[in-house]
Amino acid sequence: MVDETTQRLPARRSPDPATPGAAPAAARVPAPAAPGPAAPERTDAELLVAASVLLADAALTAKQSGAELTGAMFSWRFGLEALKRPGWALAAAVSCARALTDSAGLGFGANGGAAGELLRMAGNMTYRRPAKVAMAVDAFALRIKAAAVDHPNLDAPAARRLTEAMVAGNRLEAARAMRALIELLGVTRALTTVSPVIMELLALLGLLDENPVNDDFSWVTLAGGVPTTDPVLGLPSSVLRFLNPGPGRAERTEPDPILAKVLATSRNDIVSYVNDIGALGNHGLVLLRRVACADGAVRYVLLLPGTSFGLLSNSTPQDLVGAFDGLLRTDTTYTRAAKKLLRRAGVPAGAELMIVGHSLGGMTAMNLASDVELCATHRVTHVIAIGSPIDSKRPADHTTRVISLVNKHDVIPGLDGRGPASPHDIPESWVELAWLDESYDYPLSHAPQAYSDALRGEFTHYRDQVNKLIGAYDGEVVGNQPYMLRDK
């Protein structure tokens, strides 16, 4: 582990003897202070994150340098020049090989191209740790330390044993540490404890194992992007395209008595929207609302629930396959079905639309807002994402107001690569309201009810802030139409 960065208070200066009016030296000698505990050093999370950014940049630069050097060695131009000047070519090849393999240089940093990737894989499987990996590991270690400042549970001995084992690349010790953490806290509390750094831990796993094809996940995470491969096997996102190929379908349906009772009292209020989404469930139902607003305009609200965790894949877009697809791509079964819903409902061209989604629903809301065709037909004025990993997505219309609600005890919002200790930020025009509510462990901390409780309780000021931002949708609800979305 890298050394902890701390911030100390400056020492207090004593008066200058030459200063006019200064007391005599004997009078300035302070009485001996009573011994007491030393003031604890305070870890500065911002300094840790800043240091991690520098190390990440250095690691990515070393990776790029290795790729360029490898590419130059195995290029046809180099081979052609070697035929003309064999002595020069031999000396150049030796110098390049030394730079790529010397521990004082890139430390077996070959990568890129067919030859470079074969050499990288060979080094990976023989436990060679190049300079780029060493710096990346230190960068992730600093991010974990930074997260522990705001999440003290990460600094508890049991959790620290796990993170230190992951940083060291000791998977056996990490498995033992995770088992001990679960025995101590239970499964849900253990997941909640490590949730602030789940992406960092997965990236360390991919970077330090023997699998040479899952490293892309780690490097994209280091750069603050959204990985397009899984961290264990390295399967690309294109696989999801074949697992989630449905064209999408939307059918009008009638609300059951419980949903009808909830909708009867619903209004333009973020807590009400969250409760409506909870009442819709996650078995394919969504809701389109028509509102006669106070300013005389008719606007629409689309409510999108999240994922059903019952099966990996089911007949609706709200399944685990759809969740991974929605994270990595924008054109998904869920978005296709939602666009068919808007056409079937006869939402007029140019109508203003607000999309509110929880979890996968929030990702789908952003995916719809990034659809150029949809934004050319309707004006997406607001996207409200609740517990959703959306930070890598951008709306097609720059005037769309994006509001993200995040409970820091919720694992899911960090899956976009931007965790609490990430050095990368969201656009300044977005409104992100994040809080730490320890009332629920994961997965309960991810449920709509947990967000509703928080916004009705301690964080009611966030409720007021969101309601003010969506005030244009105040008015009379003149239509609540549920739709059942299907894959096919």
Protein backbone atom coordinates (compact mmCIF):
# COMPACT_ATOMS: atom_id res chain seq x y z
CA MET A 1 0.00 0.00 0.00
CA VAL A 2 1.17 3.51 -0.69
CA ASP A 3 1.85 5.87 2.17
CA GLU A 4 -1.08 7.79 3.56
CA THR A 5 -1.21 11.49 2.62
CA THR A 6 -2.00 13.71 5.57
CA GLN A 7 -2.55 17.38 6.22
CA ARG A 8 -1.11 19.01 9.35
CA LEU A 9 -1.78 22.36 10.98
CA PRO A 10 1.11 24.85 10.69
CA ALA A 11 3.25 25.38 13.76
CA ARG A 12 2.43 28.44 15.81
CA ARG A 13 5.17 31.10 15.60
CA SER A 14 6.51 32.74 18.75
CA PRO A 15 6.97 36.52 18.91
CA ASP A 16 10.13 37.96 17.41
CA PRO A 17 12.49 39.21 20.17
CA ALA A 18 13.28 42.27 18.06
CA THR A 19 9.64 43.24 17.78
CA PRO A 20 8.88 46.48 19.68
CA GLY A 21 6.86 45.81 22.78
CA ALA A 22 7.84 42.18 22.92
CA ALA A 23 7.98 40.72 26.42
CA PRO A 24 11.35 39.90 27.99
CA ALA A 25 12.76 36.51 27.17
CA ALA A 26 12.21 35.18 30.68
CA ALA A 27 8.58 36.26 30.55
CA ARG A 28 8.11 34.59 27.19
CA VAL A 29 9.10 31.14 28.39
CA PRO A 30 5.82 29.21 28.58
CA ALA A 31 5.00 27.00 31.49
CA PRO A 32 5.39 23.29 30.73
CA ALA A 33 2.19 21.98 29.19
CA ALA A 34 0.48 19.00 30.71
CA PRO A 35 1.21 15.91 28.65
CA GLY A 36 -1.69 14.80 26.50
CA PRO A 37 -2.47 12.76 23.43
CA ALA A 38 -1.04 14.05 20.18
CA ALA A 39 -3.53 15.52 17.72
CA PRO A 40 -4.43 12.84 15.16
CA GLU A 41 -3.29 13.36 11.62
CA ARG A 42 -6.18 13.99 9.24
CA THR A 43 -6.21 12.20 5.91
CA ASP A 44 -7.07 14.58 3.10
CA ALA A 45 -9.25 12.74 0.60
CA GLU A 46 -8.77 15.41 -2.07
CA LEU A 47 -4.99 15.07 -1.91
CA LEU A 48 -5.29 11.30 -2.16
CA VAL A 49 -7.53 11.55 -5.22
CA ALA A 50 -5.21 14.13 -6.79
CA ALA A 51 -2.25 11.79 -6.25
CA SER A 52 -4.24 8.89 -7.73
CA VAL A 53 -4.98 10.99 -10.83
CA LEU A 54 -1.26 11.65 -11.33
CA LEU A 55 -0.43 7.96 -10.95
CA ALA A 56 -3.28 6.95 -13.27
CA ASP A 57 -2.06 9.39 -15.91
CA ALA A 58 1.48 8.04 -15.54
CA ALA A 59 0.25 4.45 -15.81
CA LEU A 60 -1.80 5.21 -18.93
CA THR A 61 1.16 7.07 -20.45
CA ALA A 62 3.47 4.12 -19.76
CA LYS A 63 0.91 1.81 -21.36
CA GLN A 64 0.75 4.01 -24.45
CA SER A 65 4.54 4.28 -24.60
CA GLY A 66 4.85 0.51 -24.46
CA ALA A 67 2.33 0.15 -27.28
CA GLU A 68 4.11 2.68 -29.47
CA LEU A 69 7.51 1.13 -28.81
CA THR A 70 6.20 -2.37 -29.51
CA GLY A 71 4.48 -1.17 -32.66
CA ALA A 72 7.67 0.45 -33.89
CA MET A 73 9.72 -2.71 -33.31
CA PHE A 74 7.36 -4.96 -35.24
CA SER A 75 6.41 -2.54 -38.02
CA TRP A 76 7.16 -3.29 -41.64
CA ARG A 77 9.05 -0.01 -41.90
CA PHE A 78 11.50 -1.15 -39.25
CA GLY A 79 11.96 -4.46 -41.07
CA LEU A 80 12.58 -2.68 -44.34
CA GLU A 81 15.12 -0.36 -42.70
CA ALA A 82 16.82 -3.37 -41.11
CA LEU A 83 17.56 -4.76 -44.57
CA LYS A 84 19.30 -1.52 -45.46
CA ARG A 85 21.12 -0.94 -42.16
CA PRO A 86 21.34 -4.20 -40.21
CA GLY A 87 23.83 -2.86 -37.67
CA TRP A 88 21.63 0.10 -36.80
CA ALA A 89 18.53 -2.11 -36.69
CA LEU A 90 20.19 -4.57 -34.28
CA ALA A 91 21.25 -1.77 -31.93
CA ALA A 92 17.78 -0.19 -32.09
CA ALA A 93 16.08 -3.52 -31.42
CA VAL A 94 18.32 -4.18 -28.40
CA SER A 95 17.60 -0.69 -27.02
CA CYS A 96 13.85 -1.11 -27.50
CA ALA A 97 13.88 -4.56 -25.93
CA ARG A 98 15.83 -3.24 -22.95
CA ALA A 99 13.38 -0.36 -22.49
CA LEU A 100 10.43 -2.73 -22.69
CA THR A 101 11.77 -5.36 -20.30
CA ASP A 102 14.15 -3.59 -17.92
CA SER A 103 12.75 -3.18 -14.42
CA ALA A 104 14.17 0.35 -14.45
CA GLY A 105 12.18 1.08 -17.62
CA LEU A 106 8.73 -0.07 -18.64
CA GLY A 107 9.24 -3.42 -16.93
CA PHE A 108 7.88 -5.82 -19.55
CA GLY A 109 5.52 -3.22 -20.96
CA ALA A 110 4.93 -4.68 -24.43
CA ASN A 111 1.33 -4.37 -25.63
CA GLY A 112 -0.69 -3.47 -28.69
CA GLY A 113 -0.88 -5.25 -32.04
CA ALA A 114 -0.71 -8.97 -32.51
CA ALA A 115 2.92 -9.36 -31.40
CA GLY A 116 2.55 -6.93 -28.50
CA GLU A 117 -0.58 -8.61 -27.18
CA LEU A 118 1.04 -12.04 -27.34
CA LEU A 119 4.00 -10.71 -25.35
CA ARG A 120 1.67 -8.99 -22.88
CA MET A 121 -0.30 -12.19 -22.36
CA ALA A 122 2.90 -14.14 -21.82
CA GLY A 123 4.03 -11.65 -19.21
CA ASN A 124 0.62 -11.71 -17.56
CA MET A 125 0.59 -15.48 -17.24
CA THR A 126 4.16 -15.51 -15.87
CA TYR A 127 3.28 -12.93 -13.16
CA ARG A 128 5.42 -10.17 -14.64
CA ARG A 129 4.25 -6.83 -13.24
CA PRO A 130 5.24 -3.98 -15.56
CA ALA A 131 5.62 -0.40 -14.41
CA LYS A 132 2.23 0.57 -15.83
CA VAL A 133 0.51 -2.07 -13.67
CA ALA A 134 2.44 -1.10 -10.55
CA MET A 135 1.41 2.53 -10.96
CA ALA A 136 -2.20 1.57 -11.71
CA VAL A 137 -2.36 -0.57 -8.57
CA ASP A 138 -1.03 2.31 -6.49
CA ALA A 139 -3.62 4.63 -8.07
CA PHE A 140 -6.43 2.26 -7.12
CA ALA A 141 -4.96 1.91 -3.62
CA LEU A 142 -5.07 5.69 -3.21
CA ARG A 143 -8.69 5.78 -4.37
CA ILE A 144 -9.57 3.17 -1.75
CA LYS A 145 -7.83 5.22 0.95
CA ALA A 146 -9.70 8.32 -0.19
CA ALA A 147 -13.03 6.50 -0.02
CA ALA A 148 -12.23 5.32 3.51
CA VAL A 149 -12.15 8.96 4.67
CA ASP A 150 -15.89 9.33 4.01
CA HIS A 151 -16.68 5.67 4.72
CA PRO A 152 -14.89 4.73 7.99
CA ASN A 153 -16.19 1.15 7.77
CA LEU A 154 -13.68 0.62 4.95
CA ASP A 155 -10.89 1.37 7.42
CA ALA A 156 -12.05 -1.22 9.95
CA PRO A 157 -9.57 -4.11 10.36
CA ALA A 158 -11.75 -6.72 8.60
CA ALA A 159 -12.45 -4.51 5.58
CA ARG A 160 -8.86 -3.25 5.43
CA ARG A 161 -7.63 -6.85 5.37
CA LEU A 162 -9.73 -7.43 2.25
CA THR A 163 -8.64 -4.28 0.40
CA GLU A 164 -4.97 -4.81 1.25
CA ALA A 165 -5.15 -8.38 -0.05
CA MET A 166 -6.72 -7.16 -3.29
CA VAL A 167 -4.04 -4.49 -3.73
CA ALA A 168 -1.35 -7.12 -3.13
CA GLY A 169 -2.96 -9.42 -5.71
CA ASN A 170 -3.35 -12.20 -3.14
CA ARG A 171 -6.67 -13.69 -4.19
CA LEU A 172 -6.55 -16.53 -1.66
CA GLU A 173 -6.10 -14.09 1.21
CA ALA A 174 -8.77 -11.84 -0.32
CA ALA A 175 -11.23 -14.76 -0.40
CA ARG A 176 -10.45 -15.55 3.23
CA ALA A 177 -10.86 -11.89 4.17
CA MET A 178 -14.20 -11.65 2.38
CA ARG A 179 -15.41 -14.77 4.12
CA ALA A 180 -14.35 -13.36 7.48
CA LEU A 181 -16.09 -10.07 6.67
CA ILE A 182 -19.31 -11.90 5.81
CA GLU A 183 -19.10 -13.98 8.99
CA LEU A 184 -18.62 -10.79 11.00
CA LEU A 185 -21.22 -8.57 9.34
CA GLY A 186 -23.47 -10.79 7.23
CA VAL A 187 -23.77 -10.75 3.44
CA THR A 188 -25.75 -7.52 3.05
CA ARG A 189 -23.65 -5.46 5.46
CA ALA A 190 -20.43 -6.82 3.91
CA LEU A 191 -21.61 -5.78 0.43
CA THR A 192 -22.59 -2.37 1.77
CA THR A 193 -19.18 -1.95 3.38
CA VAL A 194 -17.23 -2.53 0.18
CA SER A 195 -19.77 -0.86 -2.15
CA PRO A 196 -17.94 2.52 -2.29
CA VAL A 197 -14.91 0.84 -3.88
CA ILE A 198 -16.52 -2.06 -5.71
CA MET A 199 -15.24 -0.86 -9.10
CA GLU A 200 -11.71 -0.42 -7.75
CA LEU A 201 -11.73 -3.95 -6.28
CA LEU A 202 -13.04 -5.46 -9.52
CA ALA A 203 -10.41 -3.54 -11.49
CA LEU A 204 -7.65 -4.84 -9.21
CA LEU A 205 -8.98 -8.36 -9.72
CA GLY A 206 -8.83 -7.99 -13.48
CA LEU A 207 -5.42 -6.34 -13.45
CA LEU A 208 -3.64 -8.81 -11.17
CA ASP A 209 -5.07 -12.19 -12.17
CA GLU A 210 -3.59 -14.55 -14.73
CA ASN A 211 -6.36 -13.94 -17.27
CA PRO A 212 -4.82 -11.81 -20.03
CA VAL A 213 -8.10 -10.94 -21.77
CA ASN A 214 -9.92 -9.09 -18.97
CA ASP A 215 -7.41 -6.26 -18.48
CA ASP A 216 -9.41 -3.77 -20.54
CA PHE A 217 -11.98 -3.55 -17.74
CA SER A 218 -9.28 -2.37 -15.35
CA TRP A 219 -7.72 0.19 -17.68
CA VAL A 220 -11.07 1.74 -18.61
CA THR A 221 -11.98 1.92 -14.92
CA LEU A 222 -8.63 3.56 -14.17
CA ALA A 223 -9.35 6.20 -16.80
CA GLY A 224 -12.80 6.80 -15.32
CA GLY A 225 -14.80 5.35 -18.22
CA VAL A 226 -17.49 2.70 -18.43
CA PRO A 227 -16.00 -0.76 -19.09
CA THR A 228 -17.31 -2.61 -22.10
CA THR A 229 -16.16 -6.01 -20.85
CA ASP A 230 -16.86 -7.98 -17.71
CA PRO A 231 -14.09 -8.04 -15.05
CA VAL A 232 -13.80 -11.82 -14.70
CA LEU A 233 -13.84 -13.36 -18.17
CA GLY A 234 -13.38 -10.23 -20.27
CA LEU A 235 -16.47 -10.90 -22.38
CA PRO A 236 -17.22 -7.89 -24.62
CA SER A 237 -20.48 -5.97 -24.56
CA SER A 238 -21.23 -7.20 -28.09
CA VAL A 239 -22.15 -10.54 -26.51
CA LEU A 240 -25.09 -8.80 -24.81
CA ARG A 241 -26.40 -7.78 -28.21
CA PHE A 242 -27.02 -11.43 -28.97
CA LEU A 243 -28.44 -12.15 -25.50
CA ASN A 244 -30.82 -9.17 -25.62
CA PRO A 245 -31.95 -8.92 -29.26
CA GLY A 246 -35.67 -8.26 -28.76
CA PRO A 247 -37.29 -5.57 -30.94
CA GLY A 248 -39.41 -4.44 -27.99
CA ARG A 249 -43.20 -4.29 -27.71
CA ALA A 250 -45.64 -2.12 -25.72
CA GLU A 251 -49.21 -3.09 -24.82
CA ARG A 252 -51.79 -1.00 -22.99
CA THR A 253 -52.98 -2.58 -19.77
CA GLU A 254 -55.12 -1.72 -16.77
CA PRO A 255 -53.74 -1.09 -13.27
CA ASP A 256 -54.49 -3.58 -10.53
CA PRO A 257 -56.35 -2.25 -7.44
CA ILE A 258 -53.15 -1.52 -5.48
CA LEU A 259 -51.52 0.38 -8.33
CA ALA A 260 -54.76 2.25 -9.05
CA LYS A 261 -54.96 3.36 -5.42
CA VAL A 262 -51.38 4.69 -5.50
CA LEU A 263 -51.88 6.49 -8.81
CA ALA A 264 -55.10 8.13 -7.59
CA THR A 265 -53.14 10.25 -5.10
CA SER A 266 -50.03 10.80 -7.25
CA ARG A 267 -48.83 14.29 -8.10
CA ASN A 268 -45.82 16.18 -9.43
CA ASP A 269 -43.53 15.36 -6.52
CA ILE A 270 -40.32 13.34 -6.60
CA VAL A 271 -41.38 11.22 -3.61
CA SER A 272 -44.69 10.51 -5.33
CA TYR A 273 -42.87 9.47 -8.51
CA VAL A 274 -40.59 7.13 -6.57
CA ASN A 275 -43.59 5.57 -4.84
CA ASP A 276 -45.37 5.18 -8.20
CA ILE A 277 -42.33 3.37 -9.60
CA GLY A 278 -42.29 1.10 -6.54
CA ALA A 279 -45.96 0.30 -7.09
CA LEU A 280 -45.37 -0.51 -10.77
CA GLY A 281 -42.95 -3.26 -9.72
CA ASN A 282 -40.29 -4.67 -11.99
CA HIS A 283 -42.16 -7.22 -14.09
CA GLY A 284 -42.53 -5.13 -17.24
CA LEU A 285 -44.98 -2.37 -16.27
CA VAL A 286 -44.23 1.29 -17.03
CA LEU A 287 -46.50 4.35 -16.85
CA LEU A 288 -47.23 7.24 -19.20
CA ARG A 289 -48.86 10.25 -17.53
CA ARG A 290 -50.55 13.20 -19.22
CA VAL A 291 -50.63 16.45 -17.25
CA ALA A 292 -52.64 19.61 -17.91
CA CYS A 293 -50.11 22.00 -16.45
CA ALA A 294 -50.80 25.26 -14.67
CA ASP A 295 -49.44 27.31 -17.58
CA GLY A 296 -51.95 25.76 -19.98
CA ALA A 297 -49.55 23.35 -21.69
CA VAL A 298 -50.05 19.58 -21.82
CA ARG A 299 -46.92 17.70 -20.81
CA TYR A 300 -46.07 14.02 -20.40
CA VAL A 301 -44.23 12.02 -17.74
CA LEU A 302 -42.80 8.54 -18.40
CA LEU A 303 -42.05 6.38 -15.34
CA LEU A 304 -39.57 3.50 -15.81
CA PRO A 305 -38.92 0.91 -13.06
CA GLY A 306 -35.70 -1.03 -12.64
CA THR A 307 -34.52 -4.61 -12.84
CA SER A 308 -36.11 -7.83 -11.73
CA PHE A 309 -33.43 -9.93 -10.05
CA GLY A 310 -35.42 -13.18 -10.23
CA LEU A 311 -33.90 -14.48 -13.48
CA LEU A 312 -30.93 -13.61 -15.66
CA SER A 313 -33.34 -13.14 -18.55
CA ASN A 314 -37.13 -13.05 -18.83
CA SER A 315 -39.76 -11.94 -21.35
CA THR A 316 -39.55 -8.27 -20.36
CA PRO A 317 -36.73 -5.71 -20.80
CA GLN A 318 -36.44 -5.46 -17.00
CA ASP A 319 -34.01 -8.31 -16.44
CA LEU A 320 -30.31 -8.67 -15.57
CA VAL A 321 -29.25 -9.05 -19.20
CA GLY A 322 -31.15 -5.86 -19.97
CA ALA A 323 -29.43 -4.11 -17.06
CA PHE A 324 -25.93 -4.87 -18.34
CA ASP A 325 -27.02 -4.00 -21.87
CA GLY A 326 -28.47 -0.68 -20.72
CA LEU A 327 -25.26 0.19 -18.89
CA LEU A 328 -23.02 -0.43 -21.88
CA ARG A 329 -25.23 0.50 -24.85
CA THR A 330 -27.98 2.99 -25.66
CA ASP A 331 -30.04 1.05 -28.22
CA THR A 332 -31.60 -1.68 -26.08
CA THR A 333 -34.82 -3.67 -25.91
CA TYR A 334 -36.04 -1.36 -23.14
CA THR A 335 -35.48 1.80 -25.21
CA ARG A 336 -37.03 0.27 -28.32
CA ALA A 337 -40.13 -0.78 -26.39
CA ALA A 338 -40.40 2.66 -24.74
CA LYS A 339 -40.23 4.45 -28.11
CA LYS A 340 -42.99 2.19 -29.44
CA LEU A 341 -45.03 3.10 -26.35
CA LEU A 342 -44.76 6.82 -27.15
CA ARG A 343 -45.85 6.22 -30.75
CA ARG A 344 -48.73 3.96 -29.73
CA ALA A 345 -49.90 6.46 -27.11
CA GLY A 346 -50.02 9.18 -29.75
CA VAL A 347 -47.75 11.61 -27.90
CA PRO A 348 -47.75 14.54 -30.34
CA ALA A 349 -44.60 15.76 -32.02
CA GLY A 350 -42.99 18.58 -30.13
CA ALA A 351 -44.58 17.59 -26.81
CA GLU A 352 -42.52 18.12 -23.68
CA LEU A 353 -41.56 14.94 -21.85
CA MET A 354 -40.02 14.20 -18.46
CA ILE A 355 -38.59 10.71 -17.91
CA VAL A 356 -38.18 9.39 -14.36
CA GLY A 357 -36.45 6.06 -13.81
CA HIS A 358 -35.06 3.93 -11.01
CA SER A 359 -31.94 1.78 -11.49
CA LEU A 360 -32.20 0.27 -15.01
CA GLY A 361 -35.10 2.66 -15.56
CA GLY A 362 -32.79 5.62 -14.93
CA MET A 363 -30.23 4.23 -17.38
CA THR A 364 -32.99 3.74 -19.94
CA ALA A 365 -34.21 7.29 -19.33
CA MET A 366 -30.74 8.58 -20.20
CA ASN A 367 -30.52 6.23 -23.18
CA LEU A 368 -33.82 7.63 -24.48
CA ALA A 369 -32.61 11.19 -23.88
CA SER A 370 -29.47 10.42 -25.91
CA ASP A 371 -31.54 9.15 -28.86
CA VAL A 372 -31.29 11.80 -31.57
CA GLU A 373 -34.43 10.61 -33.37
CA LEU A 374 -36.56 10.72 -30.23
CA CYS A 375 -35.23 14.14 -29.24
CA ALA A 376 -36.01 15.43 -32.73
CA THR A 377 -39.63 14.31 -32.27
CA HIS A 378 -40.22 15.21 -28.62
CA ARG A 379 -38.55 17.64 -26.26
CA VAL A 380 -37.08 15.73 -23.33
CA THR A 381 -37.02 18.50 -20.74
CA HIS A 382 -35.98 16.48 -17.67
CA VAL A 383 -34.38 13.15 -16.83
CA ILE A 384 -34.52 12.06 -13.19
CA ALA A 385 -32.39 8.99 -12.43
CA ILE A 386 -32.76 7.34 -9.03
CA GLY A 387 -30.00 4.97 -7.94
CA SER A 388 -28.71 4.64 -11.52
CA PRO A 389 -25.19 4.45 -13.03
CA ILE A 390 -25.64 7.17 -15.67
CA ASP A 391 -22.55 9.34 -15.36
CA SER A 392 -21.01 8.23 -18.67
CA LYS A 393 -24.17 8.98 -20.66
CA ARG A 394 -25.07 12.33 -22.23
CA PRO A 395 -28.41 13.65 -23.56
CA ALA A 396 -28.68 14.60 -27.22
CA ASP A 397 -30.31 17.93 -26.32
CA HIS A 398 -27.99 20.08 -24.20
CA THR A 399 -31.01 21.79 -22.63
CA THR A 400 -32.26 18.56 -21.04
CA ARG A 401 -32.05 18.91 -17.27
CA VAL A 402 -30.43 15.82 -15.74
CA ILE A 403 -31.07 15.12 -12.05
CA SER A 404 -29.36 12.18 -10.36
CA LEU A 405 -30.30 10.94 -6.89
CA VAL A 406 -27.71 8.71 -5.22
CA ASN A 407 -27.67 6.93 -1.88
CA LYS A 408 -24.00 6.26 -1.14
CA HIS A 409 -24.99 3.02 0.59
CA ASP A 410 -26.29 1.78 -2.76
CA VAL A 411 -23.87 -0.33 -4.82
CA ILE A 412 -25.54 0.16 -8.20
CA PRO A 413 -24.84 3.86 -8.98
CA GLY A 414 -21.08 3.20 -8.80
CA LEU A 415 -21.15 0.69 -11.67
CA ASP A 416 -20.62 3.47 -14.22
CA GLY A 417 -16.94 3.71 -13.24
CA ARG A 418 -17.36 6.93 -11.26
CA GLY A 419 -17.35 5.92 -7.62
CA PRO A 420 -17.05 8.22 -4.59
CA ALA A 421 -13.27 8.33 -4.99
CA SER A 422 -13.21 8.69 -8.75
CA PRO A 423 -11.19 11.63 -10.07
CA HIS A 424 -13.71 12.30 -12.84
CA ASP A 425 -16.81 14.43 -12.51
CA ILE A 426 -20.15 14.98 -14.19
CA PRO A 427 -21.13 17.98 -16.36
CA GLU A 428 -21.63 21.21 -14.44
CA SER A 429 -25.20 21.53 -15.76
CA TRP A 430 -26.27 18.28 -14.06
CA VAL A 431 -27.77 18.22 -10.60
CA GLU A 432 -26.48 15.33 -8.53
CA LEU A 433 -27.88 14.97 -5.02
CA ALA A 434 -26.01 12.33 -3.03
CA TRP A 435 -26.36 11.34 0.60
CA LEU A 436 -25.27 8.63 3.00
CA ASP A 437 -28.25 6.86 4.53
CA GLU A 438 -27.30 3.91 6.71
CA SER A 439 -30.90 2.88 7.42
CA TYR A 440 -30.71 0.06 4.89
CA ASP A 441 -27.98 -2.31 3.76
CA TYR A 442 -27.63 -3.35 0.14
CA PRO A 443 -29.77 -4.56 -1.63
CA LEU A 444 -32.50 -2.84 0.43
CA SER A 445 -30.58 0.45 0.10
CA HIS A 446 -31.22 0.22 -3.66
CA ALA A 447 -34.98 -0.22 -3.39
CA PRO A 448 -37.34 2.65 -4.34
CA GLN A 449 -38.72 2.59 -0.81
CA ALA A 450 -35.27 3.42 0.63
CA TYR A 451 -35.01 6.49 -1.62
CA SER A 452 -38.57 7.51 -0.80
CA ASP A 453 -37.93 7.22 2.94
CA ALA A 454 -34.76 9.31 2.71
CA LEU A 455 -36.44 12.07 0.69
CA ARG A 456 -39.38 12.19 3.10
CA GLY A 457 -37.13 12.21 6.13
CA GLU A 458 -33.69 13.60 6.80
CA PHE A 459 -33.12 14.73 3.21
CA THR A 460 -36.41 16.49 2.60
CA HIS A 461 -34.45 19.55 1.44
CA TYR A 462 -33.38 17.50 -1.59
CA ARG A 463 -37.04 16.72 -2.22
CA ASP A 464 -37.83 20.43 -2.18
CA GLN A 465 -34.92 21.15 -4.53
CA VAL A 466 -36.02 18.57 -7.10
CA ASN A 467 -39.67 19.65 -6.91
CA LYS A 468 -38.62 23.21 -7.61
CA LEU A 469 -36.68 22.09 -10.70
CA ILE A 470 -39.69 20.21 -12.12
CA GLY A 471 -42.27 22.85 -11.24
CA ALA A 472 -43.31 23.24 -14.89
CA TYR A 473 -45.11 19.87 -14.56
CA ASP A 474 -47.39 21.07 -11.75
CA GLY A 475 -51.02 20.72 -12.76
CA GLU A 476 -53.90 18.29 -13.07
CA VAL A 477 -53.20 14.68 -13.96
CA VAL A 478 -55.60 13.94 -16.82
CA GLY A 479 -54.28 10.52 -17.79
CA ASN A 480 -52.45 7.61 -16.14
CA GLN A 481 -51.91 4.79 -18.60
CA PRO A 482 -49.85 1.72 -17.66
CA TYR A 483 -48.14 -0.24 -20.43
CA MET A 484 -46.68 -3.72 -20.39
CA LEU A 485 -43.33 -3.87 -22.16
CA ARG A 486 -42.15 -7.11 -23.71
CA ASP A 487 -38.96 -8.18 -25.44
CA LYS A 488 -40.86 -9.46 -28.48
